[in-house]
Amino acid sequence: MEIWLGAPVGWFPDQGKAQVFGTGGGPISYISRDDVGSWAVVAIKESRTENQVIPLGGPRAVSPNEAVRIFEQAIGKPLKVTRVPGFVPKMAGAVLKPFNPKMASLMALGAQTLGGDVVDMSKARSLAQVPETSIEDYARKVAANLTA
């Protein structure tokens, strides 16, 4: 969440701006970095996770368009949305690689999520119960920091 709905890819709620790649209609299982950390601790402590691939995502998948609406509600004002055509992250991932590998990686990942990226959390949830941060929770946290 903090990357995909944050400054690294053009989300600036403090400035009333958001950037959406492609149509923004595909649902994505955004996950908070704090939740990733909690799952990492579970993976270390829980013997049933040994030698397992455990897909991780957020509590529910939402489209970038829906994320915009959630942020607008949380901050109490509309966001000016810049729509980036889907071919841009695809090309940028390749073009930026020699000059800015981090941004190239973000663009390549962005290209992979153009149609959505829904993660089935049933395996992870069968191994442990970890509090999960919703997009609404994250948007309220961002909004609270704007007024602080």
N, C-alpha and C. Protein backbone atom coordinates (compact mmCIF):
# COMPACT_ATOMS: atom_id res chain seq x y z
N MET A 1 0.81 -1.20 0.00
CA MET A 1 0.00 0.00 0.00
C MET A 1 0.85 1.26 0.00
N GLU A 2 1.84 1.27 0.85
CA GLU A 2 2.63 2.48 1.01
C GLU A 2 3.38 2.86 -0.27
N ILE A 3 3.68 1.88 -1.11
CA ILE A 3 4.33 2.17 -2.39
C ILE A 3 3.28 2.50 -3.45
N TRP A 4 2.34 1.57 -3.67
CA TRP A 4 1.39 1.72 -4.77
C TRP A 4 0.38 2.82 -4.55
N LEU A 5 0.13 3.18 -3.30
CA LEU A 5 -0.80 4.27 -2.99
C LEU A 5 -0.04 5.38 -2.28
N GLY A 6 1.19 5.62 -2.75
CA GLY A 6 2.06 6.62 -2.14
C GLY A 6 2.88 7.36 -3.18
N ALA A 7 3.74 8.20 -2.68
CA ALA A 7 4.55 9.08 -3.54
C ALA A 7 5.39 8.35 -4.59
N PRO A 8 5.96 7.16 -4.31
CA PRO A 8 6.81 6.53 -5.32
C PRO A 8 6.14 6.33 -6.68
N VAL A 9 4.81 6.18 -6.71
CA VAL A 9 4.14 6.02 -8.00
C VAL A 9 3.08 7.10 -8.25
N GLY A 10 3.28 8.26 -7.63
CA GLY A 10 2.47 9.41 -7.98
C GLY A 10 1.21 9.68 -7.18
N TRP A 11 1.12 9.13 -5.97
CA TRP A 11 -0.02 9.44 -5.10
C TRP A 11 0.44 10.50 -4.10
N PHE A 12 -0.19 11.67 -4.16
CA PHE A 12 0.12 12.78 -3.26
C PHE A 12 -1.19 13.33 -2.70
N PRO A 13 -1.81 12.62 -1.76
CA PRO A 13 -3.08 13.09 -1.20
C PRO A 13 -2.98 14.48 -0.57
N ASP A 14 -1.81 14.81 -0.05
CA ASP A 14 -1.63 16.14 0.54
C ASP A 14 -1.76 17.25 -0.50
N GLN A 15 -1.49 16.91 -1.74
CA GLN A 15 -1.61 17.86 -2.85
C GLN A 15 -2.89 17.62 -3.66
N GLY A 16 -3.69 16.64 -3.23
CA GLY A 16 -4.93 16.32 -3.93
C GLY A 16 -4.71 15.63 -5.26
N LYS A 17 -3.64 14.82 -5.36
CA LYS A 17 -3.31 14.17 -6.62
C LYS A 17 -3.14 12.66 -6.46
N ALA A 18 -3.51 11.94 -7.51
CA ALA A 18 -3.27 10.49 -7.57
C ALA A 18 -2.98 10.12 -9.02
N GLN A 19 -2.16 9.11 -9.19
CA GLN A 19 -1.81 8.63 -10.52
C GLN A 19 -2.27 7.18 -10.64
N VAL A 20 -2.96 6.89 -11.73
CA VAL A 20 -3.49 5.55 -11.97
C VAL A 20 -2.95 5.05 -13.31
N PHE A 21 -2.42 3.84 -13.30
CA PHE A 21 -1.92 3.21 -14.53
C PHE A 21 -3.05 2.47 -15.23
N GLY A 22 -3.13 2.63 -16.53
CA GLY A 22 -4.16 1.96 -17.31
C GLY A 22 -5.55 2.46 -16.95
N THR A 23 -6.54 1.57 -17.06
CA THR A 23 -7.92 1.97 -16.78
C THR A 23 -8.20 2.07 -15.29
N GLY A 24 -7.38 1.41 -14.47
CA GLY A 24 -7.59 1.44 -13.02
C GLY A 24 -8.74 0.58 -12.56
N GLY A 25 -9.20 -0.33 -13.41
CA GLY A 25 -10.36 -1.13 -13.07
C GLY A 25 -10.08 -2.49 -12.47
N GLY A 26 -8.85 -2.97 -12.59
CA GLY A 26 -8.52 -4.31 -12.09
C GLY A 26 -8.29 -4.33 -10.60
N PRO A 27 -8.93 -5.25 -9.88
CA PRO A 27 -8.73 -5.31 -8.42
C PRO A 27 -7.33 -5.79 -8.05
N ILE A 28 -6.80 -5.18 -7.01
CA ILE A 28 -5.45 -5.47 -6.53
C ILE A 28 -5.51 -5.73 -5.03
N SER A 29 -4.80 -6.74 -4.57
CA SER A 29 -4.75 -7.06 -3.14
C SER A 29 -3.61 -6.29 -2.47
N TYR A 30 -3.79 -4.98 -2.36
CA TYR A 30 -2.77 -4.14 -1.72
C TYR A 30 -2.52 -4.63 -0.29
N ILE A 31 -1.25 -4.72 0.09
CA ILE A 31 -0.90 -5.14 1.44
C ILE A 31 0.03 -4.10 2.06
N SER A 32 -0.21 -3.81 3.32
CA SER A 32 0.62 -2.85 4.05
C SER A 32 1.98 -3.45 4.39
N ARG A 33 2.99 -2.61 4.37
CA ARG A 33 4.33 -3.11 4.73
C ARG A 33 4.35 -3.61 6.17
N ASP A 34 3.54 -3.02 7.05
CA ASP A 34 3.47 -3.51 8.43
C ASP A 34 2.93 -4.93 8.47
N ASP A 35 1.94 -5.21 7.62
CA ASP A 35 1.37 -6.56 7.57
C ASP A 35 2.39 -7.55 7.02
N VAL A 36 3.18 -7.13 6.04
CA VAL A 36 4.24 -8.00 5.51
C VAL A 36 5.21 -8.35 6.63
N GLY A 37 5.56 -7.36 7.44
CA GLY A 37 6.45 -7.61 8.58
C GLY A 37 5.85 -8.59 9.57
N SER A 38 4.57 -8.44 9.85
CA SER A 38 3.89 -9.37 10.78
C SER A 38 3.89 -10.79 10.23
N TRP A 39 3.65 -10.92 8.93
CA TRP A 39 3.67 -12.26 8.32
C TRP A 39 5.09 -12.83 8.32
N ALA A 40 6.09 -12.00 8.17
CA ALA A 40 7.48 -12.48 8.22
C ALA A 40 7.79 -13.07 9.59
N VAL A 41 7.30 -12.43 10.63
CA VAL A 41 7.51 -12.95 11.99
C VAL A 41 6.81 -14.30 12.14
N VAL A 42 5.59 -14.41 11.62
CA VAL A 42 4.87 -15.69 11.66
C VAL A 42 5.68 -16.76 10.93
N ALA A 43 6.20 -16.42 9.77
CA ALA A 43 6.96 -17.39 8.98
C ALA A 43 8.18 -17.90 9.73
N ILE A 44 8.78 -17.04 10.51
CA ILE A 44 9.96 -17.44 11.29
C ILE A 44 9.57 -18.33 12.46
N LYS A 45 8.47 -18.00 13.12
CA LYS A 45 8.08 -18.69 14.35
C LYS A 45 7.25 -19.96 14.12
N GLU A 46 6.49 -20.01 13.03
CA GLU A 46 5.55 -21.10 12.80
C GLU A 46 6.21 -22.21 11.98
N SER A 47 6.37 -23.38 12.57
CA SER A 47 7.05 -24.48 11.89
C SER A 47 6.31 -24.94 10.62
N ARG A 48 5.00 -24.75 10.57
CA ARG A 48 4.23 -25.18 9.40
C ARG A 48 4.52 -24.34 8.15
N THR A 49 5.26 -23.25 8.32
CA THR A 49 5.58 -22.41 7.16
C THR A 49 6.88 -22.80 6.48
N GLU A 50 7.62 -23.71 7.10
CA GLU A 50 8.92 -24.11 6.56
C GLU A 50 8.78 -24.70 5.15
N ASN A 51 9.64 -24.24 4.25
CA ASN A 51 9.66 -24.70 2.86
C ASN A 51 8.32 -24.52 2.14
N GLN A 52 7.62 -23.45 2.48
CA GLN A 52 6.32 -23.17 1.89
C GLN A 52 6.37 -21.85 1.11
N VAL A 53 5.63 -21.79 0.05
CA VAL A 53 5.36 -20.52 -0.62
C VAL A 53 4.00 -20.08 -0.11
N ILE A 54 3.96 -18.90 0.49
CA ILE A 54 2.73 -18.41 1.09
C ILE A 54 2.38 -17.06 0.45
N PRO A 55 1.43 -17.06 -0.47
CA PRO A 55 1.04 -15.80 -1.11
C PRO A 55 0.44 -14.84 -0.08
N LEU A 56 0.81 -13.57 -0.20
CA LEU A 56 0.31 -12.55 0.72
C LEU A 56 -0.34 -11.41 -0.04
N GLY A 57 -1.41 -10.91 0.51
CA GLY A 57 -2.11 -9.75 -0.03
C GLY A 57 -2.90 -9.10 1.08
N GLY A 58 -3.63 -8.09 0.73
CA GLY A 58 -4.43 -7.38 1.72
C GLY A 58 -5.73 -8.11 2.03
N PRO A 59 -6.52 -7.55 2.95
CA PRO A 59 -7.75 -8.21 3.37
C PRO A 59 -8.80 -8.33 2.26
N ARG A 60 -8.80 -7.39 1.31
CA ARG A 60 -9.69 -7.51 0.15
C ARG A 60 -9.09 -6.74 -1.01
N ALA A 61 -9.36 -7.22 -2.20
CA ALA A 61 -8.82 -6.58 -3.39
C ALA A 61 -9.73 -5.41 -3.79
N VAL A 62 -9.10 -4.27 -4.11
CA VAL A 62 -9.83 -3.11 -4.60
C VAL A 62 -9.11 -2.58 -5.84
N SER A 63 -9.85 -2.00 -6.74
CA SER A 63 -9.24 -1.43 -7.93
C SER A 63 -8.60 -0.09 -7.58
N PRO A 64 -7.63 0.36 -8.38
CA PRO A 64 -7.08 1.69 -8.15
C PRO A 64 -8.17 2.77 -8.17
N ASN A 65 -9.17 2.62 -9.03
CA ASN A 65 -10.26 3.59 -9.06
C ASN A 65 -11.02 3.61 -7.74
N GLU A 66 -11.25 2.43 -7.17
CA GLU A 66 -11.93 2.36 -5.88
C GLU A 66 -11.02 2.93 -4.78
N ALA A 67 -9.72 2.70 -4.88
CA ALA A 67 -8.79 3.27 -3.90
C ALA A 67 -8.85 4.80 -3.94
N VAL A 68 -8.98 5.37 -5.13
CA VAL A 68 -9.12 6.83 -5.24
C VAL A 68 -10.35 7.28 -4.46
N ARG A 69 -11.48 6.61 -4.66
CA ARG A 69 -12.71 6.99 -3.95
C ARG A 69 -12.55 6.86 -2.44
N ILE A 70 -11.87 5.81 -2.00
CA ILE A 70 -11.65 5.61 -0.57
C ILE A 70 -10.80 6.75 0.00
N PHE A 71 -9.76 7.13 -0.72
CA PHE A 71 -8.91 8.24 -0.27
C PHE A 71 -9.68 9.55 -0.27
N GLU A 72 -10.49 9.78 -1.29
CA GLU A 72 -11.28 11.01 -1.35
C GLU A 72 -12.19 11.12 -0.14
N GLN A 73 -12.81 10.01 0.22
CA GLN A 73 -13.68 10.00 1.40
C GLN A 73 -12.88 10.27 2.67
N ALA A 74 -11.72 9.66 2.78
CA ALA A 74 -10.90 9.81 4.00
C ALA A 74 -10.36 11.23 4.15
N ILE A 75 -9.93 11.85 3.05
CA ILE A 75 -9.35 13.19 3.16
C ILE A 75 -10.39 14.30 3.00
N GLY A 76 -11.59 13.91 2.57
CA GLY A 76 -12.67 14.88 2.48
C GLY A 76 -12.62 15.83 1.30
N LYS A 77 -11.90 15.42 0.26
CA LYS A 77 -11.87 16.25 -0.95
C LYS A 77 -11.53 15.36 -2.14
N PRO A 78 -11.91 15.81 -3.34
CA PRO A 78 -11.60 15.00 -4.53
C PRO A 78 -10.11 15.03 -4.86
N LEU A 79 -9.66 13.96 -5.48
CA LEU A 79 -8.29 13.89 -5.97
C LEU A 79 -8.30 14.13 -7.47
N LYS A 80 -7.32 14.87 -7.94
CA LYS A 80 -7.13 15.03 -9.38
C LYS A 80 -6.35 13.79 -9.83
N VAL A 81 -6.98 12.98 -10.66
CA VAL A 81 -6.39 11.72 -11.09
C VAL A 81 -5.73 11.90 -12.45
N THR A 82 -4.45 11.54 -12.50
CA THR A 82 -3.72 11.48 -13.77
C THR A 82 -3.73 10.03 -14.21
N ARG A 83 -4.20 9.80 -15.43
CA ARG A 83 -4.25 8.44 -15.96
C ARG A 83 -3.07 8.22 -16.90
N VAL A 84 -2.27 7.23 -16.58
CA VAL A 84 -1.10 6.90 -17.38
C VAL A 84 -1.46 5.70 -18.27
N PRO A 85 -1.36 5.86 -19.58
CA PRO A 85 -1.69 4.73 -20.46
C PRO A 85 -0.89 3.48 -20.09
N GLY A 86 -1.53 2.33 -20.24
CA GLY A 86 -0.92 1.06 -19.84
C GLY A 86 0.41 0.75 -20.49
N PHE A 87 0.65 1.25 -21.70
CA PHE A 87 1.92 0.95 -22.35
C PHE A 87 3.09 1.67 -21.70
N VAL A 88 2.83 2.75 -20.96
CA VAL A 88 3.91 3.54 -20.37
C VAL A 88 4.72 2.74 -19.35
N PRO A 89 4.09 2.11 -18.34
CA PRO A 89 4.91 1.35 -17.41
C PRO A 89 5.62 0.17 -18.07
N LYS A 90 5.02 -0.39 -19.10
CA LYS A 90 5.67 -1.50 -19.81
C LYS A 90 6.96 -1.02 -20.46
N MET A 91 6.88 0.11 -21.16
CA MET A 91 8.07 0.65 -21.83
C MET A 91 9.08 1.19 -20.82
N ALA A 92 8.59 1.89 -19.81
CA ALA A 92 9.48 2.52 -18.83
C ALA A 92 10.30 1.47 -18.08
N GLY A 93 9.69 0.32 -17.81
CA GLY A 93 10.42 -0.74 -17.13
C GLY A 93 11.67 -1.15 -17.89
N ALA A 94 11.57 -1.20 -19.20
CA ALA A 94 12.72 -1.58 -20.03
C ALA A 94 13.68 -0.43 -20.23
N VAL A 95 13.15 0.74 -20.51
CA VAL A 95 13.99 1.89 -20.82
C VAL A 95 14.78 2.38 -19.60
N LEU A 96 14.17 2.37 -18.44
CA LEU A 96 14.83 2.91 -17.23
C LEU A 96 15.84 1.96 -16.60
N LYS A 97 15.78 0.69 -16.96
CA LYS A 97 16.61 -0.32 -16.28
C LYS A 97 18.08 0.07 -16.15
N PRO A 98 18.77 0.54 -17.20
CA PRO A 98 20.19 0.86 -17.05
C PRO A 98 20.45 2.13 -16.23
N PHE A 99 19.46 3.01 -16.16
CA PHE A 99 19.66 4.32 -15.52
C PHE A 99 19.12 4.41 -14.10
N ASN A 100 17.98 3.78 -13.88
CA ASN A 100 17.32 3.85 -12.57
C ASN A 100 16.65 2.51 -12.30
N PRO A 101 17.42 1.52 -11.84
CA PRO A 101 16.87 0.16 -11.65
C PRO A 101 15.67 0.10 -10.71
N LYS A 102 15.65 0.94 -9.67
CA LYS A 102 14.52 0.91 -8.73
C LYS A 102 13.24 1.34 -9.43
N MET A 103 13.30 2.45 -10.14
CA MET A 103 12.11 2.93 -10.83
C MET A 103 11.71 1.96 -11.95
N ALA A 104 12.71 1.38 -12.61
CA ALA A 104 12.42 0.39 -13.66
C ALA A 104 11.66 -0.79 -13.06
N SER A 105 12.08 -1.23 -11.89
CA SER A 105 11.41 -2.33 -11.22
C SER A 105 9.97 -1.98 -10.86
N LEU A 106 9.76 -0.78 -10.32
CA LEU A 106 8.41 -0.33 -10.00
C LEU A 106 7.53 -0.29 -11.25
N MET A 107 8.07 0.23 -12.32
CA MET A 107 7.30 0.31 -13.56
C MET A 107 6.96 -1.08 -14.09
N ALA A 108 7.92 -2.00 -14.03
CA ALA A 108 7.67 -3.36 -14.48
C ALA A 108 6.59 -4.04 -13.62
N LEU A 109 6.66 -3.81 -12.32
CA LEU A 109 5.62 -4.36 -11.44
C LEU A 109 4.28 -3.72 -11.74
N GLY A 110 4.29 -2.41 -11.97
CA GLY A 110 3.05 -1.72 -12.33
C GLY A 110 2.44 -2.30 -13.59
N ALA A 111 3.27 -2.60 -14.56
CA ALA A 111 2.78 -3.19 -15.81
C ALA A 111 2.13 -4.55 -15.55
N GLN A 112 2.68 -5.30 -14.60
CA GLN A 112 2.13 -6.62 -14.27
C GLN A 112 0.75 -6.53 -13.62
N THR A 113 0.43 -5.39 -12.98
CA THR A 113 -0.83 -5.27 -12.26
C THR A 113 -1.90 -4.53 -13.05
N LEU A 114 -1.63 -4.21 -14.31
CA LEU A 114 -2.60 -3.43 -15.10
C LEU A 114 -3.99 -4.07 -15.13
N GLY A 115 -4.06 -5.37 -15.21
CA GLY A 115 -5.35 -6.06 -15.24
C GLY A 115 -5.84 -6.49 -13.88
N GLY A 116 -5.08 -6.16 -12.85
CA GLY A 116 -5.42 -6.56 -11.49
C GLY A 116 -4.42 -7.58 -10.96
N ASP A 117 -4.46 -7.77 -9.66
CA ASP A 117 -3.56 -8.73 -9.00
C ASP A 117 -4.21 -9.16 -7.70
N VAL A 118 -5.08 -10.14 -7.79
CA VAL A 118 -5.81 -10.62 -6.62
C VAL A 118 -5.06 -11.80 -6.01
N VAL A 119 -4.81 -11.73 -4.72
CA VAL A 119 -4.08 -12.77 -4.01
C VAL A 119 -5.06 -13.52 -3.10
N ASP A 120 -5.06 -14.83 -3.21
CA ASP A 120 -5.87 -15.68 -2.34
C ASP A 120 -5.12 -15.87 -1.03
N MET A 121 -5.68 -15.34 0.03
CA MET A 121 -5.02 -15.38 1.35
C MET A 121 -5.41 -16.60 2.18
N SER A 122 -6.16 -17.53 1.61
CA SER A 122 -6.65 -18.65 2.42
C SER A 122 -5.51 -19.49 3.01
N LYS A 123 -4.44 -19.71 2.27
CA LYS A 123 -3.32 -20.50 2.81
C LYS A 123 -2.68 -19.78 4.00
N ALA A 124 -2.39 -18.49 3.84
CA ALA A 124 -1.78 -17.74 4.93
C ALA A 124 -2.69 -17.73 6.16
N ARG A 125 -3.96 -17.48 5.93
CA ARG A 125 -4.90 -17.40 7.06
C ARG A 125 -5.10 -18.75 7.74
N SER A 126 -4.85 -19.85 7.02
CA SER A 126 -4.96 -21.17 7.65
C SER A 126 -3.79 -21.44 8.58
N LEU A 127 -2.70 -20.71 8.38
CA LEU A 127 -1.50 -20.91 9.21
C LEU A 127 -1.47 -20.03 10.44
N ALA A 128 -2.07 -18.85 10.35
CA ALA A 128 -2.04 -17.92 11.48
C ALA A 128 -3.06 -16.82 11.27
N GLN A 129 -3.40 -16.16 12.35
CA GLN A 129 -4.28 -14.99 12.28
C GLN A 129 -3.42 -13.76 12.56
N VAL A 130 -3.31 -12.91 11.56
CA VAL A 130 -2.53 -11.68 11.67
C VAL A 130 -3.48 -10.53 11.35
N PRO A 131 -3.51 -9.50 12.20
CA PRO A 131 -4.36 -8.35 11.86
C PRO A 131 -3.96 -7.79 10.49
N GLU A 132 -4.95 -7.49 9.68
CA GLU A 132 -4.69 -7.02 8.32
C GLU A 132 -5.18 -5.59 8.16
N THR A 133 -4.36 -4.77 7.53
CA THR A 133 -4.67 -3.36 7.31
C THR A 133 -5.49 -3.22 6.03
N SER A 134 -6.66 -2.63 6.15
CA SER A 134 -7.49 -2.40 4.96
C SER A 134 -7.07 -1.10 4.28
N ILE A 135 -7.50 -0.94 3.04
CA ILE A 135 -7.25 0.31 2.32
C ILE A 135 -7.89 1.47 3.11
N GLU A 136 -9.07 1.23 3.65
CA GLU A 136 -9.75 2.28 4.43
C GLU A 136 -8.91 2.69 5.63
N ASP A 137 -8.35 1.70 6.34
CA ASP A 137 -7.48 2.00 7.49
C ASP A 137 -6.28 2.84 7.05
N TYR A 138 -5.66 2.42 5.97
CA TYR A 138 -4.48 3.13 5.47
C TYR A 138 -4.84 4.56 5.04
N ALA A 139 -5.95 4.72 4.32
CA ALA A 139 -6.36 6.05 3.87
C ALA A 139 -6.66 6.96 5.07
N ARG A 140 -7.31 6.42 6.11
CA ARG A 140 -7.58 7.23 7.31
C ARG A 140 -6.27 7.64 7.99
N LYS A 141 -5.30 6.74 8.03
CA LYS A 141 -3.99 7.06 8.62
C LYS A 141 -3.31 8.17 7.83
N VAL A 142 -3.35 8.08 6.50
CA VAL A 142 -2.76 9.13 5.66
C VAL A 142 -3.48 10.45 5.91
N ALA A 143 -4.81 10.41 5.95
CA ALA A 143 -5.60 11.62 6.17
C ALA A 143 -5.29 12.25 7.52
N ALA A 144 -5.13 11.41 8.55
CA ALA A 144 -4.81 11.92 9.88
C ALA A 144 -3.46 12.62 9.89
N ASN A 145 -2.51 12.08 9.15
CA ASN A 145 -1.18 12.70 9.07
C ASN A 145 -1.22 14.02 8.31
N LEU A 146 -2.18 14.20 7.41
CA LEU A 146 -2.31 15.44 6.66
C LEU A 146 -2.79 16.58 7.55
N THR A 147 -3.61 16.23 8.56
CA THR A 147 -4.16 17.25 9.43
C THR A 147 -3.32 17.45 10.69
N ALA A 148 -2.35 16.59 10.90
CA ALA A 148 -1.53 16.68 12.12
C ALA A 148 -0.51 17.79 12.03
